[in-house]
Amino acid sequence: MSKAWELMTFYDKVLIVIIAIISLSFILFPNSILNQNTKEDEYIIVIQTANGRQKQVKINETYQSEPLIIEADGPIGTTIIEAHNGRVRVKKAPPADPLIIDEKIGWISEPGPSIICVPNKLAIWIEESKSEQALDGMSW
């Protein structure tokens, strides 16, 4: 070690110290450096029916002792939607829905997955609030 240390210049030693400090800071403070905090407080639940967007609910409003129950009317009946603890699901599909697939999907809690009921013309998804959406791609 001492022979290798003698062969290094002053700037080599400074570079090693800087890399060590940066590495330790990533290990000790990963959330603040990489900004990996959850964005749940920026998410909204969007419920769209045949008439357009019927309701938007902030994810923060679902953190209550009782689940938030939303009724969405469609061509074949009323769908009962449950939002609780940052998640949303279809609790009860209309009786006229032949396969009730939207009930079987279960909970969604982040942007990406969606719940769709084609016979009742209902769609539920989670998205970021408009003020927080960032550019995710570009083409020329």
N, C-alpha and C. Protein backbone atom coordinates (compact mmCIF):
# COMPACT_ATOMS: atom_id res chain seq x y z
N MET A 1 0.82 -1.20 0.00
CA MET A 1 0.00 0.00 0.00
C MET A 1 0.86 1.25 0.00
N SER A 2 1.94 1.24 0.77
CA SER A 2 2.76 2.44 0.88
C SER A 2 3.47 2.75 -0.45
N LYS A 3 3.85 1.72 -1.20
CA LYS A 3 4.53 1.96 -2.47
C LYS A 3 3.54 2.55 -3.48
N ALA A 4 2.31 2.03 -3.50
CA ALA A 4 1.30 2.58 -4.40
C ALA A 4 0.95 4.01 -3.99
N TRP A 5 0.91 4.27 -2.69
CA TRP A 5 0.59 5.62 -2.20
C TRP A 5 1.68 6.61 -2.60
N GLU A 6 2.93 6.15 -2.61
CA GLU A 6 4.05 7.02 -3.00
C GLU A 6 4.04 7.32 -4.50
N LEU A 7 3.52 6.39 -5.32
CA LEU A 7 3.49 6.60 -6.76
C LEU A 7 2.38 7.57 -7.20
N MET A 8 1.37 7.77 -6.35
CA MET A 8 0.26 8.65 -6.71
C MET A 8 0.64 10.10 -6.51
N THR A 9 0.09 10.91 -7.41
CA THR A 9 0.30 12.35 -7.27
C THR A 9 -0.70 12.90 -6.26
N PHE A 10 -0.54 14.16 -5.93
CA PHE A 10 -1.46 14.83 -5.01
C PHE A 10 -2.89 14.79 -5.54
N TYR A 11 -3.05 15.00 -6.83
CA TYR A 11 -4.38 15.04 -7.43
C TYR A 11 -5.03 13.66 -7.48
N ASP A 12 -4.23 12.60 -7.60
CA ASP A 12 -4.77 11.25 -7.51
C ASP A 12 -5.38 11.01 -6.13
N LYS A 13 -4.67 11.46 -5.11
CA LYS A 13 -5.15 11.29 -3.73
C LYS A 13 -6.42 12.10 -3.49
N VAL A 14 -6.46 13.32 -4.02
CA VAL A 14 -7.65 14.16 -3.88
C VAL A 14 -8.84 13.50 -4.57
N LEU A 15 -8.62 12.95 -5.75
CA LEU A 15 -9.69 12.28 -6.49
C LEU A 15 -10.24 11.08 -5.72
N ILE A 16 -9.36 10.30 -5.11
CA ILE A 16 -9.79 9.14 -4.32
C ILE A 16 -10.63 9.58 -3.13
N VAL A 17 -10.22 10.65 -2.46
CA VAL A 17 -10.98 11.15 -1.31
C VAL A 17 -12.35 11.65 -1.74
N ILE A 18 -12.43 12.37 -2.87
CA ILE A 18 -13.71 12.88 -3.36
C ILE A 18 -14.65 11.74 -3.73
N ILE A 19 -14.14 10.72 -4.42
CA ILE A 19 -14.97 9.56 -4.78
C ILE A 19 -15.45 8.84 -3.53
N ALA A 20 -14.62 8.73 -2.51
CA ALA A 20 -15.01 8.07 -1.27
C ALA A 20 -16.11 8.86 -0.56
N ILE A 21 -16.00 10.19 -0.54
CA ILE A 21 -17.02 11.02 0.10
C ILE A 21 -18.35 10.91 -0.64
N ILE A 22 -18.32 10.96 -1.95
CA ILE A 22 -19.55 10.84 -2.73
C ILE A 22 -20.19 9.48 -2.53
N SER A 23 -19.40 8.44 -2.52
CA SER A 23 -19.93 7.09 -2.31
C SER A 23 -20.58 6.96 -0.94
N LEU A 24 -19.94 7.48 0.08
CA LEU A 24 -20.52 7.42 1.43
C LEU A 24 -21.81 8.23 1.52
N SER A 25 -21.86 9.36 0.84
CA SER A 25 -23.08 10.17 0.89
C SER A 25 -24.24 9.44 0.22
N PHE A 26 -23.99 8.70 -0.86
CA PHE A 26 -25.05 7.91 -1.50
C PHE A 26 -25.52 6.79 -0.59
N ILE A 27 -24.63 6.22 0.18
CA ILE A 27 -24.99 5.13 1.09
C ILE A 27 -25.77 5.67 2.29
N LEU A 28 -25.33 6.80 2.84
CA LEU A 28 -25.95 7.33 4.06
C LEU A 28 -27.26 8.09 3.80
N PHE A 29 -27.35 8.77 2.66
CA PHE A 29 -28.52 9.61 2.37
C PHE A 29 -29.08 9.32 0.98
N PRO A 30 -29.52 8.09 0.70
CA PRO A 30 -29.95 7.78 -0.67
C PRO A 30 -31.21 8.52 -1.10
N ASN A 31 -32.19 8.72 -0.21
CA ASN A 31 -33.44 9.36 -0.61
C ASN A 31 -33.25 10.82 -0.93
N SER A 32 -32.47 11.52 -0.14
CA SER A 32 -32.32 12.95 -0.38
C SER A 32 -31.42 13.23 -1.59
N ILE A 33 -30.46 12.38 -1.86
CA ILE A 33 -29.56 12.61 -2.99
C ILE A 33 -30.21 12.20 -4.30
N LEU A 34 -30.81 11.02 -4.31
CA LEU A 34 -31.39 10.49 -5.54
C LEU A 34 -32.85 10.91 -5.73
N ASN A 35 -33.42 11.56 -4.72
CA ASN A 35 -34.82 12.01 -4.76
C ASN A 35 -35.76 10.84 -5.05
N GLN A 36 -35.63 9.79 -4.25
CA GLN A 36 -36.46 8.61 -4.42
C GLN A 36 -37.67 8.64 -3.50
N ASN A 37 -38.06 9.79 -3.04
CA ASN A 37 -39.24 9.88 -2.19
C ASN A 37 -40.46 9.46 -2.99
N THR A 38 -41.45 8.90 -2.31
CA THR A 38 -42.65 8.50 -3.01
C THR A 38 -43.41 9.73 -3.48
N LYS A 39 -44.06 9.61 -4.60
CA LYS A 39 -44.81 10.72 -5.16
C LYS A 39 -46.30 10.53 -4.92
N GLU A 40 -46.65 9.74 -3.91
CA GLU A 40 -48.06 9.46 -3.69
C GLU A 40 -48.86 10.72 -3.47
N ASP A 41 -48.26 11.72 -2.82
CA ASP A 41 -49.01 12.93 -2.56
C ASP A 41 -49.27 13.73 -3.83
N GLU A 42 -48.64 13.37 -4.93
CA GLU A 42 -48.85 14.06 -6.19
C GLU A 42 -49.78 13.28 -7.13
N TYR A 43 -50.22 12.10 -6.73
CA TYR A 43 -51.07 11.26 -7.57
C TYR A 43 -52.54 11.60 -7.39
N ILE A 44 -53.30 11.41 -8.47
CA ILE A 44 -54.75 11.56 -8.40
C ILE A 44 -55.39 10.34 -9.05
N ILE A 45 -56.54 9.95 -8.51
CA ILE A 45 -57.34 8.87 -9.08
C ILE A 45 -58.31 9.51 -10.06
N VAL A 46 -58.34 9.00 -11.28
CA VAL A 46 -59.24 9.53 -12.30
C VAL A 46 -60.27 8.46 -12.63
N ILE A 47 -61.53 8.85 -12.58
CA ILE A 47 -62.64 7.95 -12.93
C ILE A 47 -63.34 8.56 -14.12
N GLN A 48 -63.35 7.83 -15.23
CA GLN A 48 -63.95 8.34 -16.47
C GLN A 48 -65.10 7.43 -16.87
N THR A 49 -66.22 8.04 -17.18
CA THR A 49 -67.38 7.30 -17.65
C THR A 49 -67.67 7.71 -19.09
N ALA A 50 -68.77 7.24 -19.62
CA ALA A 50 -69.13 7.57 -21.00
C ALA A 50 -69.30 9.08 -21.18
N ASN A 51 -69.62 9.79 -20.11
CA ASN A 51 -69.82 11.24 -20.18
C ASN A 51 -68.53 12.03 -20.11
N GLY A 52 -67.41 11.38 -19.87
CA GLY A 52 -66.14 12.07 -19.70
C GLY A 52 -65.64 11.85 -18.29
N ARG A 53 -64.71 12.69 -17.84
CA ARG A 53 -64.17 12.54 -16.50
C ARG A 53 -65.25 12.90 -15.49
N GLN A 54 -65.60 11.92 -14.69
CA GLN A 54 -66.64 12.14 -13.71
C GLN A 54 -66.06 12.66 -12.41
N LYS A 55 -64.95 12.09 -11.98
CA LYS A 55 -64.41 12.45 -10.68
C LYS A 55 -62.91 12.29 -10.66
N GLN A 56 -62.25 13.20 -9.92
CA GLN A 56 -60.82 13.09 -9.65
C GLN A 56 -60.65 13.21 -8.14
N VAL A 57 -59.89 12.28 -7.58
CA VAL A 57 -59.66 12.26 -6.14
C VAL A 57 -58.16 12.21 -5.90
N LYS A 58 -57.66 13.07 -5.03
CA LYS A 58 -56.25 13.02 -4.67
C LYS A 58 -56.01 11.78 -3.80
N ILE A 59 -54.88 11.13 -4.02
CA ILE A 59 -54.53 9.93 -3.27
C ILE A 59 -54.49 10.24 -1.77
N ASN A 60 -54.04 11.43 -1.40
CA ASN A 60 -53.97 11.77 0.02
C ASN A 60 -55.33 11.72 0.71
N GLU A 61 -56.40 11.95 -0.02
CA GLU A 61 -57.73 11.95 0.57
C GLU A 61 -58.22 10.54 0.90
N THR A 62 -57.51 9.51 0.45
CA THR A 62 -57.93 8.14 0.71
C THR A 62 -57.35 7.57 2.00
N TYR A 63 -56.45 8.30 2.63
CA TYR A 63 -55.85 7.83 3.89
C TYR A 63 -56.74 8.25 5.04
N GLN A 64 -57.81 7.52 5.24
CA GLN A 64 -58.76 7.77 6.32
C GLN A 64 -59.07 6.44 6.98
N SER A 65 -59.78 6.50 8.10
CA SER A 65 -60.12 5.25 8.78
C SER A 65 -61.15 4.45 7.99
N GLU A 66 -62.05 5.15 7.30
CA GLU A 66 -63.07 4.49 6.49
C GLU A 66 -62.73 4.64 5.01
N PRO A 67 -63.00 3.63 4.19
CA PRO A 67 -62.74 3.75 2.75
C PRO A 67 -63.64 4.80 2.12
N LEU A 68 -63.14 5.44 1.10
CA LEU A 68 -63.91 6.41 0.32
C LEU A 68 -64.69 5.63 -0.74
N ILE A 69 -66.01 5.74 -0.73
CA ILE A 69 -66.87 5.01 -1.67
C ILE A 69 -67.38 6.00 -2.71
N ILE A 70 -67.20 5.65 -3.98
CA ILE A 70 -67.62 6.50 -5.09
C ILE A 70 -68.55 5.67 -5.98
N GLU A 71 -69.66 6.24 -6.37
CA GLU A 71 -70.59 5.57 -7.27
C GLU A 71 -70.48 6.21 -8.65
N ALA A 72 -70.29 5.37 -9.66
CA ALA A 72 -70.17 5.84 -11.04
C ALA A 72 -71.28 5.21 -11.86
N ASP A 73 -72.10 6.04 -12.47
CA ASP A 73 -73.21 5.55 -13.28
C ASP A 73 -72.75 5.31 -14.71
N GLY A 74 -73.25 4.24 -15.29
CA GLY A 74 -72.93 3.91 -16.67
C GLY A 74 -74.16 3.37 -17.38
N PRO A 75 -74.01 2.97 -18.64
CA PRO A 75 -75.15 2.49 -19.42
C PRO A 75 -75.83 1.24 -18.86
N ILE A 76 -75.08 0.38 -18.16
CA ILE A 76 -75.71 -0.86 -17.67
C ILE A 76 -75.95 -0.84 -16.17
N GLY A 77 -75.62 0.26 -15.49
CA GLY A 77 -75.87 0.33 -14.06
C GLY A 77 -74.82 1.12 -13.31
N THR A 78 -74.87 1.03 -12.01
CA THR A 78 -73.96 1.79 -11.14
C THR A 78 -72.82 0.89 -10.66
N THR A 79 -71.61 1.39 -10.80
CA THR A 79 -70.42 0.70 -10.32
C THR A 79 -70.00 1.36 -9.02
N ILE A 80 -69.70 0.56 -8.01
CA ILE A 80 -69.26 1.08 -6.73
C ILE A 80 -67.74 0.93 -6.66
N ILE A 81 -67.07 2.06 -6.46
CA ILE A 81 -65.61 2.12 -6.45
C ILE A 81 -65.16 2.43 -5.03
N GLU A 82 -64.13 1.72 -4.57
CA GLU A 82 -63.61 1.92 -3.22
C GLU A 82 -62.17 2.41 -3.32
N ALA A 83 -61.85 3.49 -2.60
CA ALA A 83 -60.49 4.01 -2.51
C ALA A 83 -60.10 4.05 -1.04
N HIS A 84 -58.96 3.45 -0.71
CA HIS A 84 -58.54 3.38 0.69
C HIS A 84 -57.03 3.19 0.77
N ASN A 85 -56.39 3.96 1.62
CA ASN A 85 -54.95 3.86 1.88
C ASN A 85 -54.10 3.94 0.61
N GLY A 86 -54.43 4.87 -0.26
CA GLY A 86 -53.63 5.09 -1.46
C GLY A 86 -53.88 4.09 -2.58
N ARG A 87 -54.96 3.31 -2.48
CA ARG A 87 -55.29 2.32 -3.50
C ARG A 87 -56.73 2.52 -3.94
N VAL A 88 -57.07 1.96 -5.10
CA VAL A 88 -58.44 2.04 -5.61
C VAL A 88 -58.80 0.71 -6.27
N ARG A 89 -60.09 0.36 -6.19
CA ARG A 89 -60.57 -0.88 -6.82
C ARG A 89 -62.07 -0.73 -7.09
N VAL A 90 -62.58 -1.62 -7.92
CA VAL A 90 -64.02 -1.72 -8.12
C VAL A 90 -64.53 -2.71 -7.08
N LYS A 91 -65.37 -2.19 -6.18
CA LYS A 91 -65.89 -3.04 -5.12
C LYS A 91 -67.07 -3.87 -5.59
N LYS A 92 -67.95 -3.24 -6.38
CA LYS A 92 -69.14 -3.95 -6.85
C LYS A 92 -69.47 -3.48 -8.25
N ALA A 93 -69.47 -4.42 -9.19
CA ALA A 93 -69.85 -4.13 -10.57
C ALA A 93 -71.37 -4.21 -10.70
N PRO A 94 -71.95 -3.60 -11.72
CA PRO A 94 -73.40 -3.70 -11.90
C PRO A 94 -73.81 -5.15 -12.15
N PRO A 95 -75.00 -5.53 -11.71
CA PRO A 95 -75.46 -6.91 -11.94
C PRO A 95 -75.56 -7.28 -13.42
N ALA A 96 -75.74 -6.29 -14.29
CA ALA A 96 -75.88 -6.57 -15.71
C ALA A 96 -74.53 -6.82 -16.40
N ASP A 97 -73.42 -6.60 -15.68
CA ASP A 97 -72.09 -6.85 -16.26
C ASP A 97 -71.89 -8.36 -16.32
N PRO A 98 -71.75 -8.94 -17.52
CA PRO A 98 -71.75 -10.40 -17.64
C PRO A 98 -70.53 -11.09 -17.01
N LEU A 99 -69.35 -10.49 -17.08
CA LEU A 99 -68.15 -11.17 -16.60
C LEU A 99 -67.56 -10.56 -15.33
N ILE A 100 -68.00 -9.40 -14.95
CA ILE A 100 -67.50 -8.62 -13.81
C ILE A 100 -65.97 -8.69 -13.68
N ILE A 101 -65.30 -8.52 -14.79
CA ILE A 101 -63.84 -8.58 -14.80
C ILE A 101 -63.24 -7.44 -13.99
N ASP A 102 -63.87 -6.26 -14.02
CA ASP A 102 -63.30 -5.14 -13.29
C ASP A 102 -63.25 -5.38 -11.78
N GLU A 103 -64.13 -6.20 -11.25
CA GLU A 103 -64.07 -6.59 -9.83
C GLU A 103 -62.88 -7.50 -9.58
N LYS A 104 -62.55 -8.33 -10.55
CA LYS A 104 -61.50 -9.33 -10.37
C LYS A 104 -60.09 -8.74 -10.50
N ILE A 105 -59.98 -7.55 -11.05
CA ILE A 105 -58.66 -6.94 -11.24
C ILE A 105 -58.00 -6.64 -9.91
N GLY A 106 -58.77 -6.16 -8.94
CA GLY A 106 -58.21 -5.87 -7.62
C GLY A 106 -57.75 -4.43 -7.50
N TRP A 107 -56.84 -4.22 -6.59
CA TRP A 107 -56.37 -2.87 -6.26
C TRP A 107 -55.31 -2.38 -7.23
N ILE A 108 -55.34 -1.07 -7.51
CA ILE A 108 -54.23 -0.42 -8.21
C ILE A 108 -53.77 0.73 -7.31
N SER A 109 -52.47 1.00 -7.31
CA SER A 109 -51.96 2.00 -6.38
C SER A 109 -50.92 2.94 -6.98
N GLU A 110 -50.64 2.80 -8.26
CA GLU A 110 -49.64 3.67 -8.88
C GLU A 110 -49.98 3.88 -10.35
N PRO A 111 -49.39 4.89 -10.97
CA PRO A 111 -49.67 5.10 -12.40
C PRO A 111 -49.22 3.90 -13.23
N GLY A 112 -49.97 3.61 -14.26
CA GLY A 112 -49.66 2.47 -15.14
C GLY A 112 -50.85 1.55 -15.28
N PRO A 113 -51.13 0.73 -14.27
CA PRO A 113 -52.29 -0.16 -14.38
C PRO A 113 -53.60 0.62 -14.41
N SER A 114 -54.60 0.04 -15.01
CA SER A 114 -55.92 0.69 -15.05
C SER A 114 -57.00 -0.38 -14.89
N ILE A 115 -58.18 0.08 -14.53
CA ILE A 115 -59.34 -0.79 -14.41
C ILE A 115 -60.34 -0.33 -15.46
N ILE A 116 -60.73 -1.24 -16.34
CA ILE A 116 -61.62 -0.91 -17.45
C ILE A 116 -62.84 -1.81 -17.41
N CYS A 117 -64.01 -1.22 -17.58
CA CYS A 117 -65.24 -1.98 -17.74
C CYS A 117 -65.88 -1.52 -19.05
N VAL A 118 -65.72 -2.31 -20.09
CA VAL A 118 -66.22 -1.93 -21.42
C VAL A 118 -67.74 -1.89 -21.47
N PRO A 119 -68.46 -2.88 -20.93
CA PRO A 119 -69.92 -2.80 -21.03
C PRO A 119 -70.51 -1.56 -20.33
N ASN A 120 -69.88 -1.14 -19.24
CA ASN A 120 -70.39 0.02 -18.50
C ASN A 120 -69.68 1.32 -18.89
N LYS A 121 -68.76 1.23 -19.85
CA LYS A 121 -68.00 2.38 -20.34
C LYS A 121 -67.36 3.16 -19.18
N LEU A 122 -66.57 2.43 -18.38
CA LEU A 122 -65.94 2.98 -17.19
C LEU A 122 -64.45 2.70 -17.24
N ALA A 123 -63.65 3.69 -16.88
CA ALA A 123 -62.21 3.52 -16.79
C ALA A 123 -61.71 4.21 -15.53
N ILE A 124 -60.80 3.54 -14.82
CA ILE A 124 -60.22 4.09 -13.60
C ILE A 124 -58.71 3.94 -13.72
N TRP A 125 -57.99 5.01 -13.43
CA TRP A 125 -56.54 4.95 -13.43
C TRP A 125 -55.99 5.99 -12.47
N ILE A 126 -54.70 5.89 -12.20
CA ILE A 126 -54.00 6.83 -11.33
C ILE A 126 -52.99 7.56 -12.19
N GLU A 127 -52.92 8.88 -12.02
CA GLU A 127 -51.94 9.67 -12.78
C GLU A 127 -51.35 10.73 -11.88
N GLU A 128 -50.24 11.31 -12.34
CA GLU A 128 -49.64 12.40 -11.60
C GLU A 128 -50.45 13.66 -11.83
N SER A 129 -50.45 14.54 -10.84
CA SER A 129 -51.15 15.80 -11.02
C SER A 129 -50.48 16.59 -12.13
N LYS A 130 -51.24 17.41 -12.81
CA LYS A 130 -50.73 18.13 -13.99
C LYS A 130 -49.51 18.98 -13.67
N SER A 131 -49.44 19.55 -12.48
CA SER A 131 -48.32 20.43 -12.15
C SER A 131 -47.02 19.66 -11.96
N GLU A 132 -47.11 18.35 -11.72
CA GLU A 132 -45.92 17.56 -11.44
C GLU A 132 -45.48 16.69 -12.61
N GLN A 133 -46.23 16.67 -13.70
CA GLN A 133 -45.85 15.82 -14.82
C GLN A 133 -44.62 16.39 -15.50
N ALA A 134 -43.67 15.54 -15.72
CA ALA A 134 -42.43 15.95 -16.37
C ALA A 134 -42.38 15.36 -17.77
N LEU A 135 -41.56 15.94 -18.61
CA LEU A 135 -41.35 15.44 -19.95
C LEU A 135 -40.65 14.08 -19.84
N ASP A 136 -41.24 13.05 -20.42
CA ASP A 136 -40.65 11.73 -20.30
C ASP A 136 -40.07 11.22 -21.62
N GLY A 137 -40.16 11.99 -22.64
CA GLY A 137 -39.60 11.55 -23.91
C GLY A 137 -39.70 12.67 -24.95
N MET A 138 -38.91 12.52 -25.97
CA MET A 138 -38.88 13.54 -26.99
C MET A 138 -38.53 12.88 -28.33
N SER A 139 -39.13 13.34 -29.38
CA SER A 139 -38.76 12.81 -30.69
C SER A 139 -38.61 13.97 -31.67
N TRP A 140 -37.77 13.77 -32.65
CA TRP A 140 -37.49 14.83 -33.62
C TRP A 140 -38.05 14.45 -34.95
